[in-house]
Each structure stands twice: as structure tokens, then as C-alpha cells.
């Protein structure tokens, strides 16, 4: 099944590259910090995976939401407010 993409209707897409790069960097940093936190409090080699994975997710997911919500609010702001929103 072939799909035709009309390139004349707007070749420049409105992708927030800065937000994507910031979120990717913050995701990596938060994951590293959570792993260091788990390593400090738990012996990683002796702790079974069925305990480490839920604990990692229980710490990392809320921390990522703290980063994701301001990015979402800034990217969906009305045009007249975008100049005043600082991300």
C-alpha cells in the first residue's frame, strides 16, 4: 500500500525540537539518578529484578511527570502567551 505525501502543503513541520532534546536529556539524567539512588539503598546484584523494576518505575515515572507537565503546558500555550512562558 503506497501513501502519497503532499510536500507542497507545508514542508516545515511544527516539531518542538528544543523540548524533545530537553526531555531526552532529563529522562537520561533522572534514570541515572534513580539508578544511583537504588544502588545506594539496595544491593542491586542480590535484589531480584521483580523488585527493582517496580521500585525504579515508582521513583522515575513521577519524577519524569514533573519535567513533562511544564513542557506540555508551554508547547500548548496560546500564541499571545508563548513569549511570556519560560521553559
N, C-alpha and C. Protein backbone atom coordinates (compact mmCIF):
# COMPACT_ATOMS: atom_id res chain seq x y z
N UNK A 1 0.85 -1.16 0.00
CA UNK A 1 0.00 0.00 0.00
C UNK A 1 0.90 1.23 0.00
N UNK A 2 0.78 2.04 -1.01
CA UNK A 2 1.60 3.24 -1.15
C UNK A 2 0.80 4.44 -0.67
N UNK A 3 1.48 5.31 0.04
CA UNK A 3 0.83 6.53 0.51
C UNK A 3 1.54 7.71 -0.11
N UNK A 4 0.76 8.65 -0.55
CA UNK A 4 1.32 9.86 -1.14
C UNK A 4 1.37 10.95 -0.08
N UNK A 5 2.52 11.55 0.02
CA UNK A 5 2.69 12.66 0.95
C UNK A 5 2.83 13.92 0.13
N UNK A 6 1.92 14.84 0.34
CA UNK A 6 1.93 16.09 -0.41
C UNK A 6 2.92 17.04 0.23
N UNK A 7 4.04 17.26 -0.40
CA UNK A 7 5.08 18.11 0.17
C UNK A 7 4.81 19.59 -0.07
N UNK A 8 3.85 19.92 -0.93
CA UNK A 8 3.58 21.32 -1.20
C UNK A 8 2.69 21.97 -0.15
N UNK A 9 2.07 21.17 0.71
CA UNK A 9 1.13 21.71 1.69
C UNK A 9 1.80 22.22 2.96
N UNK A 10 3.11 22.28 2.97
CA UNK A 10 3.82 22.78 4.15
C UNK A 10 4.96 21.85 4.51
N UNK A 11 6.10 22.14 4.00
CA UNK A 11 7.22 21.24 4.23
C UNK A 11 7.83 21.43 5.61
N UNK A 12 7.61 22.56 6.23
CA UNK A 12 8.18 22.78 7.56
C UNK A 12 7.16 22.37 8.61
N UNK A 13 7.48 21.34 9.36
CA UNK A 13 6.57 20.89 10.41
C UNK A 13 6.86 21.67 11.68
N UNK A 14 5.91 21.64 12.57
CA UNK A 14 6.00 22.42 13.80
C UNK A 14 6.40 21.51 14.95
N UNK A 15 7.58 20.89 14.86
CA UNK A 15 8.07 19.98 15.89
C UNK A 15 8.93 20.77 16.87
N UNK A 16 8.61 20.71 18.16
CA UNK A 16 9.41 21.44 19.15
C UNK A 16 10.71 20.68 19.47
N UNK A 17 11.73 20.92 18.69
CA UNK A 17 12.99 20.17 18.81
C UNK A 17 13.64 20.45 20.16
N UNK A 18 13.60 21.68 20.63
CA UNK A 18 14.20 22.01 21.92
C UNK A 18 13.56 21.26 23.06
N UNK A 19 12.24 21.11 23.03
CA UNK A 19 11.54 20.38 24.07
C UNK A 19 11.89 18.90 24.04
N UNK A 20 12.01 18.35 22.84
CA UNK A 20 12.36 16.94 22.71
C UNK A 20 13.76 16.68 23.23
N UNK A 21 14.70 17.55 22.88
CA UNK A 21 16.07 17.38 23.36
C UNK A 21 16.15 17.55 24.88
N UNK A 22 15.45 18.53 25.42
CA UNK A 22 15.44 18.74 26.86
C UNK A 22 14.84 17.55 27.58
N UNK A 23 13.73 17.02 27.07
CA UNK A 23 13.09 15.88 27.73
C UNK A 23 13.97 14.64 27.65
N UNK A 24 14.63 14.43 26.52
CA UNK A 24 15.51 13.27 26.38
C UNK A 24 16.68 13.36 27.36
N UNK A 25 17.27 14.54 27.47
CA UNK A 25 18.37 14.72 28.40
C UNK A 25 17.91 14.57 29.85
N UNK A 26 16.74 15.11 30.17
CA UNK A 26 16.24 15.00 31.54
C UNK A 26 15.83 13.56 31.86
N UNK A 27 15.31 12.83 30.88
CA UNK A 27 14.96 11.42 31.08
C UNK A 27 16.20 10.60 31.40
N UNK A 28 17.29 10.85 30.66
CA UNK A 28 18.54 10.14 30.92
C UNK A 28 19.10 10.50 32.30
N UNK A 29 19.06 11.78 32.65
CA UNK A 29 19.58 12.22 33.94
C UNK A 29 18.76 11.66 35.09
N UNK A 30 17.43 11.68 34.98
CA UNK A 30 16.58 11.15 36.04
C UNK A 30 16.78 9.64 36.18
N UNK A 31 16.90 8.93 35.06
CA UNK A 31 17.14 7.49 35.13
C UNK A 31 18.46 7.18 35.81
N UNK A 32 19.49 7.95 35.50
CA UNK A 32 20.80 7.75 36.14
C UNK A 32 20.71 8.04 37.63
N UNK A 33 20.04 9.12 38.01
CA UNK A 33 19.91 9.45 39.43
C UNK A 33 19.11 8.40 40.19
N UNK A 34 18.07 7.86 39.56
CA UNK A 34 17.27 6.82 40.22
C UNK A 34 18.10 5.55 40.38
N UNK A 35 18.88 5.20 39.37
CA UNK A 35 19.74 4.03 39.50
C UNK A 35 20.78 4.21 40.59
N UNK A 36 21.35 5.42 40.69
CA UNK A 36 22.30 5.68 41.77
C UNK A 36 21.62 5.63 43.13
N UNK A 37 20.40 6.12 43.22
CA UNK A 37 19.64 6.06 44.47
C UNK A 37 19.35 4.61 44.85
N UNK A 38 18.92 3.80 43.88
CA UNK A 38 18.66 2.39 44.16
C UNK A 38 19.94 1.66 44.55
N UNK A 39 21.02 2.00 43.90
CA UNK A 39 22.31 1.36 44.21
C UNK A 39 22.76 1.70 45.63
N UNK A 40 22.45 2.91 46.08
CA UNK A 40 22.82 3.32 47.43
C UNK A 40 22.03 2.56 48.49
N UNK A 41 20.72 2.37 48.26
CA UNK A 41 19.87 1.76 49.26
C UNK A 41 19.67 0.26 49.09
N UNK A 42 19.89 -0.28 47.89
CA UNK A 42 19.67 -1.71 47.65
C UNK A 42 20.92 -2.34 47.04
N UNK A 43 21.25 -3.53 47.45
CA UNK A 43 22.31 -4.25 46.72
C UNK A 43 21.73 -4.77 45.40
N UNK A 44 22.13 -4.17 44.30
CA UNK A 44 21.49 -4.47 43.01
C UNK A 44 21.71 -5.91 42.55
N UNK A 45 22.86 -6.48 42.86
CA UNK A 45 23.12 -7.85 42.39
C UNK A 45 22.33 -8.89 43.19
N UNK A 46 22.04 -8.61 44.44
CA UNK A 46 21.30 -9.58 45.26
C UNK A 46 19.79 -9.34 45.23
N UNK A 47 19.36 -8.18 44.81
CA UNK A 47 17.93 -7.88 44.78
C UNK A 47 17.32 -8.42 43.49
N UNK A 48 16.25 -9.20 43.58
CA UNK A 48 15.64 -9.74 42.36
C UNK A 48 15.05 -8.65 41.47
N UNK A 49 15.00 -8.95 40.18
CA UNK A 49 14.51 -7.99 39.20
C UNK A 49 13.05 -7.63 39.39
N UNK A 50 12.26 -8.57 39.91
CA UNK A 50 10.84 -8.27 40.10
C UNK A 50 10.62 -7.26 41.23
N UNK A 51 11.65 -6.94 41.98
CA UNK A 51 11.55 -5.87 42.96
C UNK A 51 12.18 -4.57 42.46
N UNK A 52 13.27 -4.70 41.72
CA UNK A 52 13.98 -3.50 41.26
C UNK A 52 13.17 -2.73 40.22
N UNK A 53 12.56 -3.44 39.29
CA UNK A 53 11.83 -2.77 38.20
C UNK A 53 10.65 -1.96 38.72
N UNK A 54 9.78 -2.49 39.57
CA UNK A 54 8.68 -1.65 40.07
C UNK A 54 9.16 -0.48 40.94
N UNK A 55 10.21 -0.69 41.72
CA UNK A 55 10.73 0.40 42.55
C UNK A 55 11.33 1.48 41.66
N UNK A 56 12.06 1.07 40.61
CA UNK A 56 12.62 2.04 39.67
C UNK A 56 11.51 2.85 39.01
N UNK A 57 10.47 2.17 38.54
CA UNK A 57 9.36 2.87 37.89
C UNK A 57 8.59 3.75 38.86
N UNK A 58 8.46 3.30 40.12
CA UNK A 58 7.73 4.09 41.11
C UNK A 58 8.45 5.39 41.44
N UNK A 59 9.76 5.42 41.26
CA UNK A 59 10.51 6.65 41.52
C UNK A 59 10.67 7.47 40.24
N UNK A 60 10.96 6.81 39.11
CA UNK A 60 11.30 7.51 37.87
C UNK A 60 10.08 8.13 37.19
N UNK A 61 8.95 7.45 37.17
CA UNK A 61 7.78 7.98 36.46
C UNK A 61 7.25 9.28 37.06
N UNK A 62 7.07 9.38 38.38
CA UNK A 62 6.63 10.67 38.92
C UNK A 62 7.65 11.78 38.71
N UNK A 63 8.93 11.44 38.78
CA UNK A 63 9.96 12.46 38.54
C UNK A 63 9.91 12.94 37.09
N UNK A 64 9.63 12.05 36.15
CA UNK A 64 9.51 12.45 34.75
C UNK A 64 8.26 13.29 34.50
N UNK A 65 7.20 13.03 35.24
CA UNK A 65 5.99 13.84 35.09
C UNK A 65 6.24 15.28 35.52
N UNK A 66 7.08 15.46 36.53
CA UNK A 66 7.40 16.81 36.97
C UNK A 66 8.08 17.58 35.85
N UNK A 67 8.84 16.90 35.01
CA UNK A 67 9.51 17.55 33.88
C UNK A 67 8.56 17.68 32.69
N UNK A 68 7.71 16.68 32.48
CA UNK A 68 6.87 16.63 31.29
C UNK A 68 5.72 17.63 31.31
N UNK A 69 5.13 17.89 32.45
CA UNK A 69 3.97 18.78 32.52
C UNK A 69 4.31 20.21 32.11
N UNK A 70 5.40 20.82 32.60
CA UNK A 70 5.71 22.18 32.13
C UNK A 70 6.02 22.25 30.64
N UNK A 71 6.64 21.21 30.09
CA UNK A 71 6.91 21.20 28.64
C UNK A 71 5.59 21.16 27.88
N UNK A 72 4.65 20.34 28.33
CA UNK A 72 3.35 20.25 27.67
C UNK A 72 2.59 21.56 27.77
N UNK A 73 2.61 22.18 28.92
CA UNK A 73 1.91 23.45 29.08
C UNK A 73 2.52 24.54 28.20
N UNK A 74 3.83 24.57 28.08
CA UNK A 74 4.48 25.58 27.26
C UNK A 74 4.25 25.34 25.78
N UNK A 75 4.20 24.08 25.37
CA UNK A 75 4.01 23.81 23.94
C UNK A 75 2.58 24.02 23.50
N UNK A 76 1.63 23.98 24.41
CA UNK A 76 0.22 24.17 24.06
C UNK A 76 -0.31 25.54 24.44
N UNK A 77 0.57 26.45 24.80
CA UNK A 77 0.14 27.80 25.19
C UNK A 77 -0.36 28.55 23.96
N UNK A 78 -1.33 29.45 24.14
CA UNK A 78 -1.78 30.28 23.02
C UNK A 78 -0.64 31.15 22.49
N UNK A 79 -0.77 31.59 21.28
CA UNK A 79 0.31 32.36 20.62
C UNK A 79 0.66 33.63 21.37
N UNK A 80 -0.32 34.32 21.95
CA UNK A 80 -0.02 35.57 22.65
C UNK A 80 0.68 35.34 23.99
N UNK A 81 0.61 34.12 24.54
CA UNK A 81 1.27 33.82 25.81
C UNK A 81 2.62 33.15 25.64
N UNK A 82 2.95 32.68 24.44
CA UNK A 82 4.19 31.93 24.26
C UNK A 82 5.43 32.77 24.50
N UNK A 83 5.34 34.07 24.30
CA UNK A 83 6.51 34.91 24.52
C UNK A 83 6.77 35.10 26.02
N UNK A 84 5.77 34.88 26.87
CA UNK A 84 5.97 35.09 28.30
C UNK A 84 6.27 33.81 29.04
N UNK A 85 6.05 32.63 28.44
CA UNK A 85 6.29 31.37 29.10
C UNK A 85 7.77 31.02 28.98
N UNK A 86 8.40 30.75 30.11
CA UNK A 86 9.80 30.37 30.13
C UNK A 86 9.88 28.90 30.48
N UNK A 87 10.55 28.12 29.64
CA UNK A 87 10.68 26.68 29.87
C UNK A 87 12.06 26.40 30.40
